[in-house]
Amino acid sequence: MFIRGVEKLGAFFYHHLFRRRRIGRILDSEVIFIPSANLYAIPLDVRENERTSVDINNNNLTSNKSWSVKSVYPELDNYDIHLRSLAVDLKQIKLINDNQKNYDYQNIARLNSVIKNLIFEINPKLEELYQKRDELTRLKNLAASSEIYGAQTAVYERAIAQVQSVIEGAEKFRHECLKFVRETLIERELVRADIDPDLLDWKLSFDEKSQSLQEKYETWREEVKAYLSLKSGINPKNSSGSLR
């Protein structure tokens, strides 16, 4: 009984330490592979999920824990950038080392830092700045409506101008990041596109048919010219003789 308890405790610590190490490796990875979706993605977070079930017969509560990996897969939706959000069970994630021979891996790895900056820094900071500008605008309008604090309007206008300047700089940087992401995704689409070799056969086939038709047309045109010339030669109006 004691040995069984020790074995269970050992198994618990083994799985706990193994899971923590695996989570750490996932979060430190630039790219992970999701076999179920057959694609590479950028890992963002690992979340613990707890599900409680009730055993009616024994009237007991059972708690089951699982861990899901949140990641994003950048892709083009028509001409726009789309960050597809993926949540996959920790056990279904495949950890990979730097794979220089796989183009899809390298393409996603190139976007890792840019996309993480957009998600975790640039976008949240811009949202905060816009909220700050809106609040300052509200306070400016409030001061402008006051007989006592109307003079404070200029102070808020200067603050709004300063925040707006920061917003414009952040938006410009965001635009450059998005442009880099889009160009990288366009490259991926072009590299993936395989030109159908049958298209060349179609072109050759059409060229041959067009040439054949052109030859037949030229032959037909010459035949018509000859026929018209012959017909003109036997026309009574063009005859040198006369009827008596």
C-alpha atoms as a PDB file:
ATOM      1  CA  MET A   1       0.000   0.000   0.000  1.00  0.00           C
ATOM      2  CA  PHE A   2       2.815   2.343   0.934  1.00  0.00           C
ATOM      3  CA  ILE A   3       4.762   1.472  -2.231  1.00  0.00           C
ATOM      4  CA  ARG A   4       1.691   2.146  -4.377  1.00  0.00           C
ATOM      5  CA  GLY A   5       1.265   5.546  -2.735  1.00  0.00           C
ATOM      6  CA  VAL A   6       4.902   6.415  -3.392  1.00  0.00           C
ATOM      7  CA  GLU A   7       4.518   5.343  -7.033  1.00  0.00           C
ATOM      8  CA  LYS A   8       1.448   7.554  -7.453  1.00  0.00           C
ATOM      9  CA  LEU A   9       3.245  10.490  -5.832  1.00  0.00           C
ATOM     10  CA  GLY A  10       6.268   9.939  -8.056  1.00  0.00           C
ATOM     11  CA  ALA A  11       4.075   9.779 -11.149  1.00  0.00           C
ATOM     12  CA  PHE A  12       2.336  12.988 -10.092  1.00  0.00           C
ATOM     13  CA  PHE A  13       5.614  14.901  -9.708  1.00  0.00           C
ATOM     14  CA  TYR A  14       6.973  13.424 -12.942  1.00  0.00           C
ATOM     15  CA  HIS A  15       3.966  14.557 -14.964  1.00  0.00           C
ATOM     16  CA  HIS A  16       3.847  17.914 -13.170  1.00  0.00           C
ATOM     17  CA  LEU A  17       7.512  18.663 -13.863  1.00  0.00           C
ATOM     18  CA  PHE A  18       7.272  17.289 -17.400  1.00  0.00           C
ATOM     19  CA  ARG A  19       4.224  19.471 -18.095  1.00  0.00           C
ATOM     20  CA  ARG A  20       5.878  22.604 -16.701  1.00  0.00           C
ATOM     21  CA  ARG A  21       8.965  21.976 -18.784  1.00  0.00           C
ATOM     22  CA  ARG A  22       6.876  21.395 -21.903  1.00  0.00           C
ATOM     23  CA  ILE A  23       4.870  24.593 -21.314  1.00  0.00           C
ATOM     24  CA  GLY A  24       8.097  26.539 -20.866  1.00  0.00           C
ATOM     25  CA  ARG A  25       9.514  25.167 -24.126  1.00  0.00           C
ATOM     26  CA  ILE A  26       6.320  26.051 -25.989  1.00  0.00           C
ATOM     27  CA  LEU A  27       6.310  29.624 -24.750  1.00  0.00           C
ATOM     28  CA  ASP A  28      10.007  29.982 -25.611  1.00  0.00           C
ATOM     29  CA  SER A  29       9.485  28.633 -29.126  1.00  0.00           C
ATOM     30  CA  GLU A  30       9.182  30.936 -32.103  1.00  0.00           C
ATOM     31  CA  VAL A  31       6.995  28.426 -33.922  1.00  0.00           C
ATOM     32  CA  ILE A  32       4.985  25.336 -32.995  1.00  0.00           C
ATOM     33  CA  PHE A  33       3.436  22.720 -35.232  1.00  0.00           C
ATOM     34  CA  ILE A  34      -0.235  21.723 -34.920  1.00  0.00           C
ATOM     35  CA  PRO A  35      -0.661  18.314 -36.592  1.00  0.00           C
ATOM     36  CA  SER A  36      -4.479  18.384 -36.455  1.00  0.00           C
ATOM     37  CA  ALA A  37      -4.503  21.576 -38.532  1.00  0.00           C
ATOM     38  CA  ASN A  38      -1.320  20.723 -40.448  1.00  0.00           C
ATOM     39  CA  LEU A  39       0.169  24.168 -39.996  1.00  0.00           C
ATOM     40  CA  TYR A  40       2.824  26.127 -38.137  1.00  0.00           C
ATOM     41  CA  ALA A  41       1.669  28.806 -35.689  1.00  0.00           C
ATOM     42  CA  ILE A  42       3.039  31.410 -33.286  1.00  0.00           C
ATOM     43  CA  PRO A  43       2.488  30.438 -29.611  1.00  0.00           C
ATOM     44  CA  LEU A  44       1.085  33.169 -27.385  1.00  0.00           C
ATOM     45  CA  ASP A  45      -0.051  31.616 -24.106  1.00  0.00           C
ATOM     46  CA  VAL A  46      -0.842  28.375 -22.262  1.00  0.00           C
ATOM     47  CA  ARG A  47      -4.030  28.325 -20.216  1.00  0.00           C
ATOM     48  CA  GLU A  48      -5.221  25.918 -17.570  1.00  0.00           C
ATOM     49  CA  ASN A  49      -8.767  24.633 -17.941  1.00  0.00           C
ATOM     50  CA  GLU A  50     -10.619  22.908 -15.119  1.00  0.00           C
ATOM     51  CA  ARG A  51     -13.760  20.871 -15.611  1.00  0.00           C
ATOM     52  CA  THR A  52     -15.833  19.579 -12.713  1.00  0.00           C
ATOM     53  CA  SER A  53     -18.091  16.551 -13.084  1.00  0.00           C
ATOM     54  CA  VAL A  54     -20.519  14.970 -10.636  1.00  0.00           C
ATOM     55  CA  ASP A  55     -20.597  11.257  -9.881  1.00  0.00           C
ATOM     56  CA  ILE A  56     -24.302  10.634  -9.186  1.00  0.00           C
ATOM     57  CA  ASN A  57     -23.775   7.171  -7.699  1.00  0.00           C
ATOM     58  CA  ASN A  58     -21.119   8.192  -5.180  1.00  0.00           C
ATOM     59  CA  ASN A  59     -22.266  11.807  -4.928  1.00  0.00           C
ATOM     60  CA  ASN A  60     -18.709  12.988  -5.452  1.00  0.00           C
ATOM     61  CA  LEU A  61     -17.245  15.892  -7.380  1.00  0.00           C
ATOM     62  CA  THR A  62     -14.422  15.101  -9.746  1.00  0.00           C
ATOM     63  CA  SER A  63     -12.141  17.785 -11.082  1.00  0.00           C
ATOM     64  CA  ASN A  64     -10.248  17.296 -14.325  1.00  0.00           C
ATOM     65  CA  LYS A  65      -7.592  19.711 -15.501  1.00  0.00           C
ATOM     66  CA  SER A  66      -6.295  20.269 -18.986  1.00  0.00           C
ATOM     67  CA  TRP A  67      -4.054  22.822 -20.635  1.00  0.00           C
ATOM     68  CA  SER A  68      -4.657  24.534 -23.948  1.00  0.00           C
ATOM     69  CA  VAL A  69      -2.126  26.384 -26.054  1.00  0.00           C
ATOM     70  CA  LYS A  70      -3.292  29.654 -27.576  1.00  0.00           C
ATOM     71  CA  SER A  71      -1.591  30.549 -30.831  1.00  0.00           C
ATOM     72  CA  VAL A  72      -2.134  32.579 -33.994  1.00  0.00           C
ATOM     73  CA  TYR A  73      -1.714  31.717 -37.633  1.00  0.00           C
ATOM     74  CA  PRO A  74      -1.204  34.757 -39.909  1.00  0.00           C
ATOM     75  CA  GLU A  75      -2.829  34.534 -43.325  1.00  0.00           C
ATOM     76  CA  LEU A  76      -4.237  36.703 -46.091  1.00  0.00           C
ATOM     77  CA  ASP A  77      -8.002  37.068 -46.349  1.00  0.00           C
ATOM     78  CA  ASN A  78      -8.293  38.344 -49.896  1.00  0.00           C
ATOM     79  CA  TYR A  79      -5.935  41.313 -49.570  1.00  0.00           C
ATOM     80  CA  ASP A  80      -6.242  41.848 -45.807  1.00  0.00           C
ATOM     81  CA  ILE A  81      -4.178  40.357 -42.981  1.00  0.00           C
ATOM     82  CA  HIS A  82      -6.068  37.901 -40.796  1.00  0.00           C
ATOM     83  CA  LEU A  83      -4.654  36.468 -37.565  1.00  0.00           C
ATOM     84  CA  ARG A  84      -6.478  33.189 -37.106  1.00  0.00           C
ATOM     85  CA  SER A  85      -6.721  32.360 -33.391  1.00  0.00           C
ATOM     86  CA  LEU A  86      -6.157  28.716 -32.452  1.00  0.00           C
ATOM     87  CA  ALA A  87      -6.618  26.954 -29.114  1.00  0.00           C
ATOM     88  CA  VAL A  88      -5.246  23.404 -29.037  1.00  0.00           C
ATOM     89  CA  ASP A  89      -4.744  20.900 -26.245  1.00  0.00           C
ATOM     90  CA  LEU A  90      -1.206  20.879 -24.860  1.00  0.00           C
ATOM     91  CA  LYS A  91      -0.764  17.214 -25.795  1.00  0.00           C
ATOM     92  CA  GLN A  92      -1.532  17.909 -29.452  1.00  0.00           C
ATOM     93  CA  ILE A  93       1.281  20.420 -29.904  1.00  0.00           C
ATOM     94  CA  LYS A  94       4.454  19.282 -31.614  1.00  0.00           C
ATOM     95  CA  LEU A  95       7.633  21.007 -30.522  1.00  0.00           C
ATOM     96  CA  ILE A  96      10.185  21.500 -33.268  1.00  0.00           C
ATOM     97  CA  ASN A  97      13.717  22.759 -33.513  1.00  0.00           C
ATOM     98  CA  ASP A  98      14.879  25.330 -36.017  1.00  0.00           C
ATOM     99  CA  ASN A  99      13.853  23.834 -39.352  1.00  0.00           C
ATOM    100  CA  GLN A 100      15.800  25.707 -42.018  1.00  0.00           C
ATOM    101  CA  LYS A 101      14.702  23.344 -44.778  1.00  0.00           C
ATOM    102  CA  ASN A 102      10.970  23.980 -44.298  1.00  0.00           C
ATOM    103  CA  TYR A 103       9.836  27.201 -45.959  1.00  0.00           C
ATOM    104  CA  ASP A 104       6.507  27.443 -44.059  1.00  0.00           C
ATOM    105  CA  TYR A 105       8.383  27.207 -40.765  1.00  0.00           C
ATOM    106  CA  GLN A 106      10.850  29.919 -41.760  1.00  0.00           C
ATOM    107  CA  ASN A 107       8.074  32.168 -43.043  1.00  0.00           C
ATOM    108  CA  ILE A 108       6.166  32.011 -39.740  1.00  0.00           C
ATOM    109  CA  ALA A 109       9.350  32.343 -37.664  1.00  0.00           C
ATOM    110  CA  ARG A 110      10.170  35.560 -39.517  1.00  0.00           C
ATOM    111  CA  LEU A 111       6.848  37.035 -38.382  1.00  0.00           C
ATOM    112  CA  ASN A 112       7.083  35.967 -34.724  1.00  0.00           C
ATOM    113  CA  SER A 113       8.516  39.109 -33.118  1.00  0.00           C
ATOM    114  CA  VAL A 114       6.526  41.526 -35.306  1.00  0.00           C
ATOM    115  CA  ILE A 115       3.175  39.865 -34.615  1.00  0.00           C
ATOM    116  CA  LYS A 116       3.876  39.539 -30.889  1.00  0.00           C
ATOM    117  CA  ASN A 117       4.774  43.235 -30.761  1.00  0.00           C
ATOM    118  CA  LEU A 118       1.509  44.078 -32.501  1.00  0.00           C
ATOM    119  CA  ILE A 119      -0.580  41.887 -30.179  1.00  0.00           C
ATOM    120  CA  PHE A 120       1.081  42.557 -26.838  1.00  0.00           C
ATOM    121  CA  GLU A 121       2.463  46.087 -27.178  1.00  0.00           C
ATOM    122  CA  ILE A 122       1.407  48.249 -30.115  1.00  0.00           C
ATOM    123  CA  ASN A 123      -2.316  47.495 -30.283  1.00  0.00           C
ATOM    124  CA  PRO A 124      -2.910  47.686 -26.489  1.00  0.00           C
ATOM    125  CA  LYS A 125      -0.872  50.903 -26.261  1.00  0.00           C
ATOM    126  CA  LEU A 126      -2.822  52.481 -29.107  1.00  0.00           C
ATOM    127  CA  GLU A 127      -6.108  51.528 -27.492  1.00  0.00           C
ATOM    128  CA  GLU A 128      -4.920  53.130 -24.249  1.00  0.00           C
ATOM    129  CA  LEU A 129      -3.839  56.288 -26.075  1.00  0.00           C
ATOM    130  CA  TYR A 130      -7.167  56.625 -27.896  1.00  0.00           C
ATOM    131  CA  GLN A 131      -9.021  56.226 -24.606  1.00  0.00           C
ATOM    132  CA  LYS A 132      -6.771  58.871 -23.041  1.00  0.00           C
ATOM    133  CA  ARG A 133      -7.403  61.262 -25.926  1.00  0.00           C
ATOM    134  CA  ASP A 134     -11.165  60.740 -25.681  1.00  0.00           C
ATOM    135  CA  GLU A 135     -11.079  61.385 -21.937  1.00  0.00           C
ATOM    136  CA  LEU A 136      -9.043  64.571 -22.411  1.00  0.00           C
ATOM    137  CA  THR A 137     -11.480  65.714 -25.108  1.00  0.00           C
ATOM    138  CA  ARG A 138     -14.383  65.112 -22.731  1.00  0.00           C
ATOM    139  CA  LEU A 139     -12.679  67.118 -19.986  1.00  0.00           C
ATOM    140  CA  LYS A 140     -11.801  69.931 -22.414  1.00  0.00           C
ATOM    141  CA  ASN A 141     -15.428  70.205 -23.516  1.00  0.00           C
ATOM    142  CA  LEU A 142     -16.527  70.098 -19.889  1.00  0.00           C
ATOM    143  CA  ALA A 143     -14.123  72.919 -18.986  1.00  0.00           C
ATOM    144  CA  ALA A 144     -15.240  74.930 -22.009  1.00  0.00           C
ATOM    145  CA  SER A 145     -18.806  74.787 -20.774  1.00  0.00           C
ATOM    146  CA  SER A 146     -17.828  76.193 -17.363  1.00  0.00           C
ATOM    147  CA  GLU A 147     -17.771  79.851 -16.399  1.00  0.00           C
ATOM    148  CA  ILE A 148     -15.211  79.157 -13.679  1.00  0.00           C
ATOM    149  CA  TYR A 149     -12.881  76.628 -15.355  1.00  0.00           C
ATOM    150  CA  GLY A 150     -13.151  77.831 -18.945  1.00  0.00           C
ATOM    151  CA  ALA A 151      -9.543  79.046 -18.844  1.00  0.00           C
ATOM    152  CA  GLN A 152      -8.388  75.424 -18.401  1.00  0.00           C
ATOM    153  CA  THR A 153      -9.493  74.610 -21.963  1.00  0.00           C
ATOM    154  CA  ALA A 154      -6.093  75.556 -23.386  1.00  0.00           C
ATOM    155  CA  VAL A 155      -4.342  73.175 -20.973  1.00  0.00           C
ATOM    156  CA  TYR A 156      -6.418  70.235 -22.211  1.00  0.00           C
ATOM    157  CA  GLU A 157      -5.923  71.256 -25.836  1.00  0.00           C
ATOM    158  CA  ARG A 158      -2.141  71.087 -25.368  1.00  0.00           C
ATOM    159  CA  ALA A 159      -2.436  67.684 -23.688  1.00  0.00           C
ATOM    160  CA  ILE A 160      -4.658  66.401 -26.510  1.00  0.00           C
ATOM    161  CA  ALA A 161      -2.127  67.603 -29.087  1.00  0.00           C
ATOM    162  CA  GLN A 162       0.688  65.778 -27.277  1.00  0.00           C
ATOM    163  CA  VAL A 163      -1.298  62.520 -27.090  1.00  0.00           C
ATOM    164  CA  GLN A 164      -2.293  62.869 -30.743  1.00  0.00           C
ATOM    165  CA  SER A 165       1.359  63.211 -31.708  1.00  0.00           C
ATOM    166  CA  VAL A 166       2.194  59.968 -29.888  1.00  0.00           C
ATOM    167  CA  ILE A 167      -0.792  58.263 -31.546  1.00  0.00           C
ATOM    168  CA  GLU A 168       0.370  59.301 -35.010  1.00  0.00           C
ATOM    169  CA  GLY A 169       3.853  57.943 -34.332  1.00  0.00           C
ATOM    170  CA  ALA A 170       2.445  54.647 -33.018  1.00  0.00           C
ATOM    171  CA  GLU A 171       0.081  54.325 -35.982  1.00  0.00           C
ATOM    172  CA  LYS A 172       2.946  54.914 -38.390  1.00  0.00           C
ATOM    173  CA  PHE A 173       4.998  52.194 -36.689  1.00  0.00           C
ATOM    174  CA  ARG A 174       1.965  49.875 -36.697  1.00  0.00           C
ATOM    175  CA  HIS A 175       1.496  50.507 -40.413  1.00  0.00           C
ATOM    176  CA  GLU A 176       5.122  49.563 -41.089  1.00  0.00           C
ATOM    177  CA  CYS A 177       4.704  46.344 -39.065  1.00  0.00           C
ATOM    178  CA  LEU A 178       1.531  45.397 -40.932  1.00  0.00           C
ATOM    179  CA  LYS A 179       3.192  46.143 -44.261  1.00  0.00           C
ATOM    180  CA  PHE A 180       6.046  43.783 -43.349  1.00  0.00           C
ATOM    181  CA  VAL A 181       3.578  41.065 -42.334  1.00  0.00           C
ATOM    182  CA  ARG A 182       1.544  41.481 -45.520  1.00  0.00           C
ATOM    183  CA  GLU A 183       4.573  41.375 -47.814  1.00  0.00           C
ATOM    184  CA  THR A 184       5.826  38.251 -46.048  1.00  0.00           C
ATOM    185  CA  LEU A 185       2.430  36.570 -46.458  1.00  0.00           C
ATOM    186  CA  ILE A 186       2.272  37.568 -50.128  1.00  0.00           C
ATOM    187  CA  GLU A 187       5.667  35.954 -50.602  1.00  0.00           C
ATOM    188  CA  ARG A 188       4.336  32.761 -48.997  1.00  0.00           C
ATOM    189  CA  GLU A 189       1.323  32.691 -51.322  1.00  0.00           C
ATOM    190  CA  LEU A 190       3.522  33.156 -54.389  1.00  0.00           C
ATOM    191  CA  VAL A 191       6.011  30.509 -53.287  1.00  0.00           C
ATOM    192  CA  ARG A 192       3.233  28.026 -52.570  1.00  0.00           C
ATOM    193  CA  ALA A 193       1.526  28.588 -55.911  1.00  0.00           C
ATOM    194  CA  ASP A 194       2.398  25.795 -58.345  1.00  0.00           C
ATOM    195  CA  ILE A 195       1.953  26.641 -61.997  1.00  0.00           C
ATOM    196  CA  ASP A 196      -0.091  23.878 -63.560  1.00  0.00           C
ATOM    197  CA  PRO A 197       2.101  22.346 -66.293  1.00  0.00           C
ATOM    198  CA  ASP A 198      -1.072  21.503 -68.209  1.00  0.00           C
ATOM    199  CA  LEU A 199      -1.538  25.245 -68.769  1.00  0.00           C
ATOM    200  CA  LEU A 200       1.479  25.173 -71.054  1.00  0.00           C
ATOM    201  CA  ASP A 201      -0.059  22.303 -72.972  1.00  0.00           C
ATOM    202  CA  TRP A 202      -3.304  24.268 -73.272  1.00  0.00           C
ATOM    203  CA  LYS A 203      -1.423  27.256 -74.674  1.00  0.00           C
ATOM    204  CA  LEU A 204       0.439  25.051 -77.141  1.00  0.00           C
ATOM    205  CA  SER A 205      -2.799  23.374 -78.139  1.00  0.00           C
ATOM    206  CA  PHE A 206      -4.535  26.699 -78.699  1.00  0.00           C
ATOM    207  CA  ASP A 207      -1.556  28.044 -80.635  1.00  0.00           C
ATOM    208  CA  GLU A 208      -1.554  25.005 -82.893  1.00  0.00           C
ATOM    209  CA  LYS A 209      -5.304  25.245 -83.475  1.00  0.00           C
ATOM    210  CA  SER A 210      -5.043  28.976 -84.140  1.00  0.00           C
ATOM    211  CA  GLN A 211      -2.250  28.426 -86.658  1.00  0.00           C
ATOM    212  CA  SER A 212      -4.202  25.633 -88.317  1.00  0.00           C
ATOM    213  CA  LEU A 213      -7.280  27.845 -88.607  1.00  0.00           C
ATOM    214  CA  GLN A 214      -5.198  30.691 -89.993  1.00  0.00           C
ATOM    215  CA  GLU A 215      -3.715  28.381 -92.654  1.00  0.00           C
ATOM    216  CA  LYS A 216      -7.166  27.095 -93.584  1.00  0.00           C
ATOM    217  CA  TYR A 217      -8.443  30.673 -93.774  1.00  0.00           C
ATOM    218  CA  GLU A 218      -5.587  31.734 -96.063  1.00  0.00           C
ATOM    219  CA  THR A 219      -6.225  28.710 -98.286  1.00  0.00           C
ATOM    220  CA  TRP A 220      -9.937  29.467 -98.401  1.00  0.00           C
ATOM    221  CA  ARG A 221      -9.280  33.143 -99.183  1.00  0.00           C
ATOM    222  CA  GLU A 222      -6.992  32.226-102.081  1.00  0.00           C
ATOM    223  CA  GLU A 223      -9.614  29.827-103.415  1.00  0.00           C
ATOM    224  CA  VAL A 224     -12.273  32.540-103.260  1.00  0.00           C
ATOM    225  CA  LYS A 225      -9.997  35.035-105.055  1.00  0.00           C
ATOM    226  CA  ALA A 226      -9.268  32.518-107.783  1.00  0.00           C
ATOM    227  CA  TYR A 227     -12.955  31.696-108.164  1.00  0.00           C
ATOM    228  CA  LEU A 228     -13.925  35.367-108.362  1.00  0.00           C
ATOM    229  CA  SER A 229     -11.172  36.007-110.892  1.00  0.00           C
ATOM    230  CA  LEU A 230     -12.324  33.098-113.021  1.00  0.00           C
ATOM    231  CA  LYS A 231     -15.933  34.241-112.763  1.00  0.00           C
ATOM    232  CA  SER A 232     -14.955  37.755-113.800  1.00  0.00           C
ATOM    233  CA  GLY A 233     -13.117  36.407-116.853  1.00  0.00           C
ATOM    234  CA  ILE A 234     -16.153  34.626-118.263  1.00  0.00           C
ATOM    235  CA  ASN A 235     -18.613  37.451-117.637  1.00  0.00           C
ATOM    236  CA  PRO A 236     -20.256  38.484-120.968  1.00  0.00           C
ATOM    237  CA  LYS A 237     -19.812  42.125-120.075  1.00  0.00           C
ATOM    238  CA  ASN A 238     -16.042  41.628-119.935  1.00  0.00           C
ATOM    239  CA  SER A 239     -15.906  39.655-123.224  1.00  0.00           C
ATOM    240  CA  SER A 240     -14.162  41.311-126.230  1.00  0.00           C
ATOM    241  CA  GLY A 241     -16.563  39.759-128.747  1.00  0.00           C
ATOM    242  CA  SER A 242     -20.100  40.944-129.614  1.00  0.00           C
ATOM    243  CA  LEU A 243     -23.262  39.238-130.686  1.00  0.00           C
ATOM    244  CA  ARG A 244     -24.496  39.822-134.133  1.00  0.00           C
END
